[in-house]
C-alpha atoms as a PDB file:
ATOM      1  CA  MET A   1      22.028 -39.737  16.796  1.00  0.00           C
ATOM      2  CA  ALA A   2      20.314 -38.777  20.179  1.00  0.00           C
ATOM      3  CA  GLU A   3      22.455 -41.461  21.527  1.00  0.00           C
ATOM      4  CA  LEU A   4      25.396 -39.648  20.172  1.00  0.00           C
ATOM      5  CA  CYS A   5      24.172 -36.327  21.619  1.00  0.00           C
ATOM      6  CA  LEU A   6      23.902 -37.974  24.961  1.00  0.00           C
ATOM      7  CA  VAL A   7      27.531 -39.392  24.736  1.00  0.00           C
ATOM      8  CA  SER A   8      29.005 -36.227  23.563  1.00  0.00           C
ATOM      9  CA  ILE A   9      27.231 -34.132  26.610  1.00  0.00           C
ATOM     10  CA  GLY A  10      28.528 -36.694  28.828  1.00  0.00           C
ATOM     11  CA  VAL A  11      32.114 -36.414  27.737  1.00  0.00           C
ATOM     12  CA  VAL A  12      32.191 -32.790  28.021  1.00  0.00           C
ATOM     13  CA  LYS A  13      30.824 -32.907  31.213  1.00  0.00           C
ATOM     14  CA  PHE A  14      33.264 -35.340  32.076  1.00  0.00           C
ATOM     15  CA  TRP A  15      36.023 -33.626  31.021  1.00  0.00           C
ATOM     16  CA  PHE A  16      35.153 -29.887  32.665  1.00  0.00           C
ATOM     17  CA  TRP A  17      35.044 -31.572  35.819  1.00  0.00           C
ATOM     18  CA  PHE A  18      38.041 -33.305  35.127  1.00  0.00           C
ATOM     19  CA  LEU A  19      39.824 -30.382  34.389  1.00  0.00           C
ATOM     20  CA  TRP A  20      38.145 -28.650  37.065  1.00  0.00           C
ATOM     21  CA  ALA A  21      38.689 -30.348  39.867  1.00  0.00           C
ATOM     22  CA  ILE A  22      43.006 -30.211  38.649  1.00  0.00           C
ATOM     23  CA  ASP A  23      42.627 -26.324  38.926  1.00  0.00           C
ATOM     24  CA  VAL A  24      41.130 -26.256  41.822  1.00  0.00           C
ATOM     25  CA  VAL A  25      43.864 -28.408  44.027  1.00  0.00           C
ATOM     26  CA  ILE A  26      46.197 -26.367  42.008  1.00  0.00           C
ATOM     27  CA  ALA A  27      44.250 -23.069  43.679  1.00  0.00           C
ATOM     28  CA  ALA A  28      44.051 -25.188  46.827  1.00  0.00           C
ATOM     29  CA  VAL A  29      48.142 -25.190  46.984  1.00  0.00           C
ATOM     30  CA  ALA A  30      48.711 -21.879  46.186  1.00  0.00           C
ATOM     31  CA  LEU A  31      46.177 -20.954  48.894  1.00  0.00           C
ATOM     32  CA  TYR A  32      48.128 -23.350  51.443  1.00  0.00           C
ATOM     33  CA  PHE A  33      51.153 -21.409  50.609  1.00  0.00           C
ATOM     34  CA  PHE A  34      49.860 -18.388  51.127  1.00  0.00           C
ATOM     35  CA  PHE A  35      48.140 -18.923  54.194  1.00  0.00           C
ATOM     36  CA  SER A  36      51.468 -20.389  55.544  1.00  0.00           C
ATOM     37  CA  LEU A  37      53.731 -17.738  54.648  1.00  0.00           C
ATOM     38  CA  ALA A  38      51.704 -15.088  55.588  1.00  0.00           C
ATOM     39  CA  ALA A  39      50.800 -16.697  59.567  1.00  0.00           C
ATOM     40  CA  GLY A  40      55.005 -17.035  59.026  1.00  0.00           C
ATOM     41  CA  GLY A  41      55.248 -13.523  58.846  1.00  0.00           C
ATOM     42  CA  ARG A  42      56.824 -14.156  55.022  1.00  0.00           C
ATOM     43  CA  VAL A  43      54.039 -11.953  53.406  1.00  0.00           C
ATOM     44  CA  GLY A  44      54.043  -8.367  53.568  1.00  0.00           C
ATOM     45  CA  SER A  45      53.760  -4.953  52.100  1.00  0.00           C
ATOM     46  CA  PHE A  46      56.425  -5.909  49.348  1.00  0.00           C
ATOM     47  CA  ASN A  47      55.126  -8.675  48.332  1.00  0.00           C
ATOM     48  CA  ILE A  48      51.334  -8.564  48.742  1.00  0.00           C
ATOM     49  CA  LEU A  49      50.361  -7.208  45.134  1.00  0.00           C
ATOM     50  CA  PRO A  50      51.716 -10.069  43.579  1.00  0.00           C
ATOM     51  CA  TRP A  51      50.363 -12.773  45.598  1.00  0.00           C
ATOM     52  CA  LEU A  52      46.914 -10.952  44.928  1.00  0.00           C
ATOM     53  CA  ALA A  53      47.260 -11.321  41.316  1.00  0.00           C
ATOM     54  CA  ILE A  54      47.842 -15.104  41.781  1.00  0.00           C
ATOM     55  CA  LEU A  55      44.954 -15.941  43.848  1.00  0.00           C
ATOM     56  CA  ALA A  56      43.021 -13.490  41.434  1.00  0.00           C
ATOM     57  CA  ALA A  57      44.489 -15.269  38.662  1.00  0.00           C
ATOM     58  CA  LEU A  58      43.118 -18.362  40.535  1.00  0.00           C
ATOM     59  CA  ALA A  59      39.733 -17.378  41.287  1.00  0.00           C
ATOM     60  CA  ALA A  60      39.121 -16.276  38.126  1.00  0.00           C
ATOM     61  CA  VAL A  61      39.981 -19.515  36.093  1.00  0.00           C
ATOM     62  CA  VAL A  62      37.989 -21.401  38.861  1.00  0.00           C
ATOM     63  CA  GLY A  63      35.191 -19.144  38.918  1.00  0.00           C
ATOM     64  CA  GLY A  64      34.778 -18.256  35.364  1.00  0.00           C
ATOM     65  CA  SER A  65      34.815 -21.419  33.884  1.00  0.00           C
ATOM     66  CA  VAL A  66      31.951 -22.637  36.420  1.00  0.00           C
ATOM     67  CA  TRP A  67      30.038 -19.269  35.205  1.00  0.00           C
ATOM     68  CA  LEU A  68      30.982 -20.050  31.627  1.00  0.00           C
ATOM     69  CA  ARG A  69      29.671 -23.749  31.988  1.00  0.00           C
ATOM     70  CA  SER A  70      26.383 -22.207  33.313  1.00  0.00           C
ATOM     71  CA  VAL A  71      25.764 -19.994  30.197  1.00  0.00           C
ATOM     72  CA  GLY A  72      26.531 -22.915  28.125  1.00  0.00           C
ATOM     73  CA  GLN A  73      29.839 -21.915  26.861  1.00  0.00           C
ATOM     74  CA  HIS A  74      31.355 -25.189  27.383  1.00  0.00           C
ATOM     75  CA  ALA A  75      34.541 -24.960  24.994  1.00  0.00           C
ATOM     76  CA  VAL A  76      35.874 -21.776  26.101  1.00  0.00           C
ATOM     77  CA  ALA A  77      35.384 -23.027  30.020  1.00  0.00           C
ATOM     78  CA  ILE A  78      37.609 -25.850  28.779  1.00  0.00           C
ATOM     79  CA  VAL A  79      40.173 -23.636  27.309  1.00  0.00           C
ATOM     80  CA  LEU A  80      40.025 -21.610  30.567  1.00  0.00           C
ATOM     81  CA  LEU A  81      40.214 -24.616  32.476  1.00  0.00           C
ATOM     82  CA  LEU A  82      43.191 -26.162  29.800  1.00  0.00           C
ATOM     83  CA  LEU A  83      45.226 -22.988  30.979  1.00  0.00           C
ATOM     84  CA  LEU A  84      45.999 -23.814  34.187  1.00  0.00           C
ATOM     85  CA  ALA A  85      45.514 -27.885  33.992  1.00  0.00           C
ATOM     86  CA  ILE A  86      48.563 -28.433  31.191  1.00  0.00           C
ATOM     87  CA  PRO A  87      51.161 -26.506  33.158  1.00  0.00           C
ATOM     88  CA  GLY A  88      49.658 -27.815  36.590  1.00  0.00           C
ATOM     89  CA  ALA A  89      49.899 -31.842  35.276  1.00  0.00           C
ATOM     90  CA  LEU A  90      53.224 -31.428  33.606  1.00  0.00           C
ATOM     91  CA  PHE A  91      54.661 -29.915  36.651  1.00  0.00           C
ATOM     92  CA  ALA A  92      53.102 -33.054  38.420  1.00  0.00           C
ATOM     93  CA  LEU A  93      54.685 -35.508  36.368  1.00  0.00           C
ATOM     94  CA  LEU A  94      57.179 -33.975  36.643  1.00  0.00           C
ATOM     95  CA  PHE A  95      57.405 -34.542  40.063  1.00  0.00           C
ATOM     96  CA  LEU A  96      56.444 -38.115  39.438  1.00  0.00           C
ATOM     97  CA  LEU A  97      58.978 -39.069  37.248  1.00  0.00           C
ATOM     98  CA  LEU A  98      61.847 -37.439  39.953  1.00  0.00           C
ATOM     99  CA  LEU A  99      59.904 -39.308  42.508  1.00  0.00           C
ATOM    100  CA  VAL A 100      60.262 -42.692  40.452  1.00  0.00           C
ATOM    101  CA  LEU A 101      63.245 -42.388  38.827  1.00  0.00           C
ATOM    102  CA  HIS A 102      65.987 -41.161  41.517  1.00  0.00           C
ATOM    103  CA  PRO A 103      68.414 -38.796  39.390  1.00  0.00           C
ATOM    104  CA  ASN A 104      71.852 -37.905  40.204  1.00  0.00           C
ATOM    105  CA  PHE A 105      72.115 -34.441  39.813  1.00  0.00           C
ATOM    106  CA  HIS A 106      76.400 -34.484  40.650  1.00  0.00           C
END
């Protein structure tokens, strides 16, 4: 029984860090676009609030999941990570399919 518990803990730990890594990559891409657009003068008073909301939400997902895991809420942390990881993975899969299949949109 103890071996089954250790395997279960290892599986939960693996999925948490795997999903967390996906979310961190998504957050890094968003930060790259934010800073590259800000450097070019494209982020101004008109669109700074949506950018700040997006960056705050990404920080809440990435940081909140680590906090939830630290207080013992592993399932809630994984669900929080899935909210961002599933759409991000599907988006990456779409681009992978576009690169592999070379569709003709004419």
